[in-house]
């Protein structure tokens, strides 16, 4: 009985340690981008932190055409609200050349789906994992609110 309990406890500790390590070792660019998407959509900073390299830059223009420039840690703090975002978020394009990749991610939200962002993410494989090295993005008005939209 004690032997079984010790074995079960050891396996539980081992599996939780393995999960923590492997959860941050993204084996594909899609995995890193999906961690970012999950973090942003659920307001969970740790997912965004795992997806971006420590030295990553995040730059974007918001709905008021105001420019924002963040490092990874600032961006993680901004995202880490716990608030779920009811937006349609999808990878619309992914280009990969061996250890480098670029992904386009599109966000759409609002009662009439009139709001959006287009993110361009650069990624690199460092020999162990894929991570996002930079993000540039632009707010775009969609549908009838197309003023200021970039084609």
C-alpha atoms as a PDB file:
ATOM      1  CA  UNK A   1       0.000   0.000   0.000  1.00  0.00           C
ATOM      2  CA  UNK A   2       2.731   2.460   1.001  1.00  0.00           C
ATOM      3  CA  UNK A   3       4.799   1.413  -2.009  1.00  0.00           C
ATOM      4  CA  UNK A   4       1.833   2.100  -4.333  1.00  0.00           C
ATOM      5  CA  UNK A   5       1.246   5.500  -2.712  1.00  0.00           C
ATOM      6  CA  UNK A   6       4.923   6.472  -3.092  1.00  0.00           C
ATOM      7  CA  UNK A   7       4.934   5.308  -6.726  1.00  0.00           C
ATOM      8  CA  UNK A   8       1.703   7.198  -7.515  1.00  0.00           C
ATOM      9  CA  UNK A   9       3.033  10.367  -5.847  1.00  0.00           C
ATOM     10  CA  UNK A  10       6.312  10.082  -7.737  1.00  0.00           C
ATOM     11  CA  UNK A  11       4.537   9.601 -11.064  1.00  0.00           C
ATOM     12  CA  UNK A  12       2.272  12.587 -10.366  1.00  0.00           C
ATOM     13  CA  UNK A  13       5.264  14.803  -9.584  1.00  0.00           C
ATOM     14  CA  UNK A  14       7.141  13.512 -12.627  1.00  0.00           C
ATOM     15  CA  UNK A  15       4.205  14.049 -14.987  1.00  0.00           C
ATOM     16  CA  UNK A  16       3.570  17.585 -13.724  1.00  0.00           C
ATOM     17  CA  UNK A  17       7.259  18.441 -14.153  1.00  0.00           C
ATOM     18  CA  UNK A  18       7.347  16.960 -17.657  1.00  0.00           C
ATOM     19  CA  UNK A  19       4.172  18.868 -18.592  1.00  0.00           C
ATOM     20  CA  UNK A  20       5.614  22.189 -17.428  1.00  0.00           C
ATOM     21  CA  UNK A  21       8.763  21.677 -19.487  1.00  0.00           C
ATOM     22  CA  UNK A  22       7.123  20.322 -22.619  1.00  0.00           C
ATOM     23  CA  UNK A  23       4.308  22.897 -22.497  1.00  0.00           C
ATOM     24  CA  UNK A  24       6.878  25.606 -23.244  1.00  0.00           C
ATOM     25  CA  UNK A  25       8.915  23.660 -25.797  1.00  0.00           C
ATOM     26  CA  UNK A  26       6.867  24.416 -28.886  1.00  0.00           C
ATOM     27  CA  UNK A  27       7.823  21.966 -31.625  1.00  0.00           C
ATOM     28  CA  UNK A  28       6.086  23.903 -34.399  1.00  0.00           C
ATOM     29  CA  UNK A  29       5.527  27.585 -35.166  1.00  0.00           C
ATOM     30  CA  UNK A  30       1.771  26.909 -34.939  1.00  0.00           C
ATOM     31  CA  UNK A  31       2.160  25.715 -31.342  1.00  0.00           C
ATOM     32  CA  UNK A  32       3.853  28.964 -30.285  1.00  0.00           C
ATOM     33  CA  UNK A  33       1.271  31.072 -32.127  1.00  0.00           C
ATOM     34  CA  UNK A  34      -1.578  29.060 -30.601  1.00  0.00           C
ATOM     35  CA  UNK A  35      -0.173  29.698 -27.113  1.00  0.00           C
ATOM     36  CA  UNK A  36      -0.202  33.433 -27.912  1.00  0.00           C
ATOM     37  CA  UNK A  37      -3.781  33.216 -29.244  1.00  0.00           C
ATOM     38  CA  UNK A  38      -4.950  31.303 -26.169  1.00  0.00           C
ATOM     39  CA  UNK A  39      -3.253  33.786 -23.839  1.00  0.00           C
ATOM     40  CA  UNK A  40      -4.770  36.825 -25.537  1.00  0.00           C
ATOM     41  CA  UNK A  41      -8.254  35.314 -25.866  1.00  0.00           C
ATOM     42  CA  UNK A  42      -8.341  34.143 -22.228  1.00  0.00           C
ATOM     43  CA  UNK A  43      -6.340  36.962 -20.617  1.00  0.00           C
ATOM     44  CA  UNK A  44      -3.608  34.562 -19.439  1.00  0.00           C
ATOM     45  CA  UNK A  45      -0.179  36.191 -19.443  1.00  0.00           C
ATOM     46  CA  UNK A  46       1.796  32.976 -18.890  1.00  0.00           C
ATOM     47  CA  UNK A  47       0.681  31.671 -22.307  1.00  0.00           C
ATOM     48  CA  UNK A  48       1.881  34.850 -23.988  1.00  0.00           C
ATOM     49  CA  UNK A  49       5.123  34.804 -21.995  1.00  0.00           C
ATOM     50  CA  UNK A  50       5.850  31.241 -23.132  1.00  0.00           C
ATOM     51  CA  UNK A  51       5.103  32.067 -26.779  1.00  0.00           C
ATOM     52  CA  UNK A  52       7.420  35.103 -27.019  1.00  0.00           C
ATOM     53  CA  UNK A  53      11.192  35.197 -26.639  1.00  0.00           C
ATOM     54  CA  UNK A  54      12.346  37.240 -23.656  1.00  0.00           C
ATOM     55  CA  UNK A  55      13.804  39.864 -26.020  1.00  0.00           C
ATOM     56  CA  UNK A  56      10.741  40.036 -28.296  1.00  0.00           C
ATOM     57  CA  UNK A  57       9.283  43.367 -29.378  1.00  0.00           C
ATOM     58  CA  UNK A  58       5.589  44.129 -29.743  1.00  0.00           C
ATOM     59  CA  UNK A  59       4.498  47.152 -31.762  1.00  0.00           C
ATOM     60  CA  UNK A  60       1.024  48.042 -32.984  1.00  0.00           C
ATOM     61  CA  UNK A  61      -1.439  50.748 -33.936  1.00  0.00           C
ATOM     62  CA  UNK A  62      -4.735  50.681 -32.004  1.00  0.00           C
ATOM     63  CA  UNK A  63      -8.233  51.731 -33.092  1.00  0.00           C
ATOM     64  CA  UNK A  64      -7.388  55.407 -32.562  1.00  0.00           C
ATOM     65  CA  UNK A  65      -4.297  54.965 -34.760  1.00  0.00           C
ATOM     66  CA  UNK A  66      -2.096  55.439 -31.676  1.00  0.00           C
ATOM     67  CA  UNK A  67       1.284  53.672 -31.820  1.00  0.00           C
ATOM     68  CA  UNK A  68       2.238  51.319 -28.963  1.00  0.00           C
ATOM     69  CA  UNK A  69       5.642  49.759 -28.305  1.00  0.00           C
ATOM     70  CA  UNK A  70       6.140  47.064 -25.655  1.00  0.00           C
ATOM     71  CA  UNK A  71       8.761  44.585 -24.607  1.00  0.00           C
ATOM     72  CA  UNK A  72       7.567  41.067 -23.817  1.00  0.00           C
ATOM     73  CA  UNK A  73       7.137  41.593 -20.083  1.00  0.00           C
ATOM     74  CA  UNK A  74       5.124  44.801 -20.545  1.00  0.00           C
ATOM     75  CA  UNK A  75       2.900  43.054 -23.081  1.00  0.00           C
ATOM     76  CA  UNK A  76       2.403  40.060 -20.768  1.00  0.00           C
ATOM     77  CA  UNK A  77       1.254  42.418 -17.973  1.00  0.00           C
ATOM     78  CA  UNK A  78      -1.170  44.135 -20.356  1.00  0.00           C
ATOM     79  CA  UNK A  79      -2.686  40.793 -21.433  1.00  0.00           C
ATOM     80  CA  UNK A  80      -2.755  39.149 -17.978  1.00  0.00           C
ATOM     81  CA  UNK A  81      -6.223  40.333 -16.926  1.00  0.00           C
ATOM     82  CA  UNK A  82      -8.117  37.058 -16.692  1.00  0.00           C
ATOM     83  CA  UNK A  83     -10.729  38.591 -19.006  1.00  0.00           C
ATOM     84  CA  UNK A  84     -11.932  36.429 -21.870  1.00  0.00           C
ATOM     85  CA  UNK A  85     -12.081  38.169 -25.235  1.00  0.00           C
ATOM     86  CA  UNK A  86     -14.994  37.188 -27.432  1.00  0.00           C
ATOM     87  CA  UNK A  87     -13.127  37.513 -30.713  1.00  0.00           C
ATOM     88  CA  UNK A  88     -12.674  35.237 -33.671  1.00  0.00           C
ATOM     89  CA  UNK A  89      -8.927  34.656 -33.852  1.00  0.00           C
ATOM     90  CA  UNK A  90      -7.278  32.600 -36.558  1.00  0.00           C
ATOM     91  CA  UNK A  91      -3.953  31.990 -38.238  1.00  0.00           C
ATOM     92  CA  UNK A  92      -4.660  33.057 -41.819  1.00  0.00           C
ATOM     93  CA  UNK A  93      -1.181  32.541 -43.240  1.00  0.00           C
ATOM     94  CA  UNK A  94       1.947  30.727 -42.140  1.00  0.00           C
ATOM     95  CA  UNK A  95       5.232  30.761 -44.028  1.00  0.00           C
ATOM     96  CA  UNK A  96       8.156  28.626 -42.888  1.00  0.00           C
ATOM     97  CA  UNK A  97      11.702  28.211 -44.117  1.00  0.00           C
ATOM     98  CA  UNK A  98      13.496  25.605 -42.025  1.00  0.00           C
ATOM     99  CA  UNK A  99      14.115  27.426 -38.688  1.00  0.00           C
ATOM    100  CA  UNK A 100      12.368  30.740 -39.440  1.00  0.00           C
ATOM    101  CA  UNK A 101       8.668  31.460 -39.863  1.00  0.00           C
ATOM    102  CA  UNK A 102       6.133  34.237 -40.237  1.00  0.00           C
ATOM    103  CA  UNK A 103       2.480  34.012 -39.252  1.00  0.00           C
ATOM    104  CA  UNK A 104      -0.443  36.298 -39.967  1.00  0.00           C
ATOM    105  CA  UNK A 105      -3.110  36.215 -37.277  1.00  0.00           C
ATOM    106  CA  UNK A 106      -6.452  37.954 -37.748  1.00  0.00           C
ATOM    107  CA  UNK A 107      -8.804  39.067 -34.974  1.00  0.00           C
ATOM    108  CA  UNK A 108     -12.437  39.986 -35.548  1.00  0.00           C
ATOM    109  CA  UNK A 109     -14.937  41.113 -32.906  1.00  0.00           C
ATOM    110  CA  UNK A 110     -17.914  43.316 -32.206  1.00  0.00           C
ATOM    111  CA  UNK A 111     -21.669  42.925 -32.545  1.00  0.00           C
ATOM    112  CA  UNK A 112     -21.385  43.393 -36.299  1.00  0.00           C
ATOM    113  CA  UNK A 113     -17.825  42.033 -36.548  1.00  0.00           C
ATOM    114  CA  UNK A 114     -16.730  45.586 -37.290  1.00  0.00           C
ATOM    115  CA  UNK A 115     -13.435  45.507 -35.358  1.00  0.00           C
ATOM    116  CA  UNK A 116     -10.233  43.717 -36.137  1.00  0.00           C
ATOM    117  CA  UNK A 117      -6.500  43.463 -35.819  1.00  0.00           C
ATOM    118  CA  UNK A 118      -4.038  41.933 -38.220  1.00  0.00           C
ATOM    119  CA  UNK A 119      -0.894  40.656 -36.493  1.00  0.00           C
ATOM    120  CA  UNK A 120       2.326  39.778 -38.290  1.00  0.00           C
ATOM    121  CA  UNK A 121       4.466  37.502 -36.123  1.00  0.00           C
ATOM    122  CA  UNK A 122       8.068  36.504 -36.781  1.00  0.00           C
ATOM    123  CA  UNK A 123       9.222  33.251 -35.239  1.00  0.00           C
ATOM    124  CA  UNK A 124      12.516  31.408 -34.850  1.00  0.00           C
ATOM    125  CA  UNK A 125      13.495  27.872 -33.832  1.00  0.00           C
ATOM    126  CA  UNK A 126      16.465  28.108 -31.442  1.00  0.00           C
ATOM    127  CA  UNK A 127      17.311  24.398 -31.595  1.00  0.00           C
ATOM    128  CA  UNK A 128      14.937  23.569 -28.731  1.00  0.00           C
ATOM    129  CA  UNK A 129      11.684  25.400 -29.325  1.00  0.00           C
ATOM    130  CA  UNK A 130       9.802  27.800 -31.577  1.00  0.00           C
ATOM    131  CA  UNK A 131       9.077  31.255 -30.201  1.00  0.00           C
ATOM    132  CA  UNK A 132       7.818  34.582 -31.461  1.00  0.00           C
ATOM    133  CA  UNK A 133      10.608  37.146 -31.852  1.00  0.00           C
ATOM    134  CA  UNK A 134       8.487  40.129 -32.883  1.00  0.00           C
ATOM    135  CA  UNK A 135       4.935  41.241 -33.435  1.00  0.00           C
ATOM    136  CA  UNK A 136       3.703  44.171 -35.493  1.00  0.00           C
ATOM    137  CA  UNK A 137      -0.019  44.777 -35.803  1.00  0.00           C
ATOM    138  CA  UNK A 138      -2.605  47.178 -37.118  1.00  0.00           C
ATOM    139  CA  UNK A 139      -6.185  47.779 -36.050  1.00  0.00           C
ATOM    140  CA  UNK A 140      -8.550  47.527 -39.013  1.00  0.00           C
ATOM    141  CA  UNK A 141     -12.185  48.565 -39.241  1.00  0.00           C
ATOM    142  CA  UNK A 142     -14.209  45.851 -40.946  1.00  0.00           C
ATOM    143  CA  UNK A 143     -17.528  45.808 -42.790  1.00  0.00           C
ATOM    144  CA  UNK A 144     -19.436  49.107 -42.722  1.00  0.00           C
ATOM    145  CA  UNK A 145     -16.817  50.655 -40.434  1.00  0.00           C
ATOM    146  CA  UNK A 146     -14.048  50.418 -43.064  1.00  0.00           C
ATOM    147  CA  UNK A 147     -12.681  53.931 -42.615  1.00  0.00           C
ATOM    148  CA  UNK A 148      -8.977  53.701 -41.930  1.00  0.00           C
ATOM    149  CA  UNK A 149      -8.753  50.074 -43.027  1.00  0.00           C
ATOM    150  CA  UNK A 150      -5.528  49.044 -44.668  1.00  0.00           C
ATOM    151  CA  UNK A 151      -5.705  46.741 -47.663  1.00  0.00           C
END
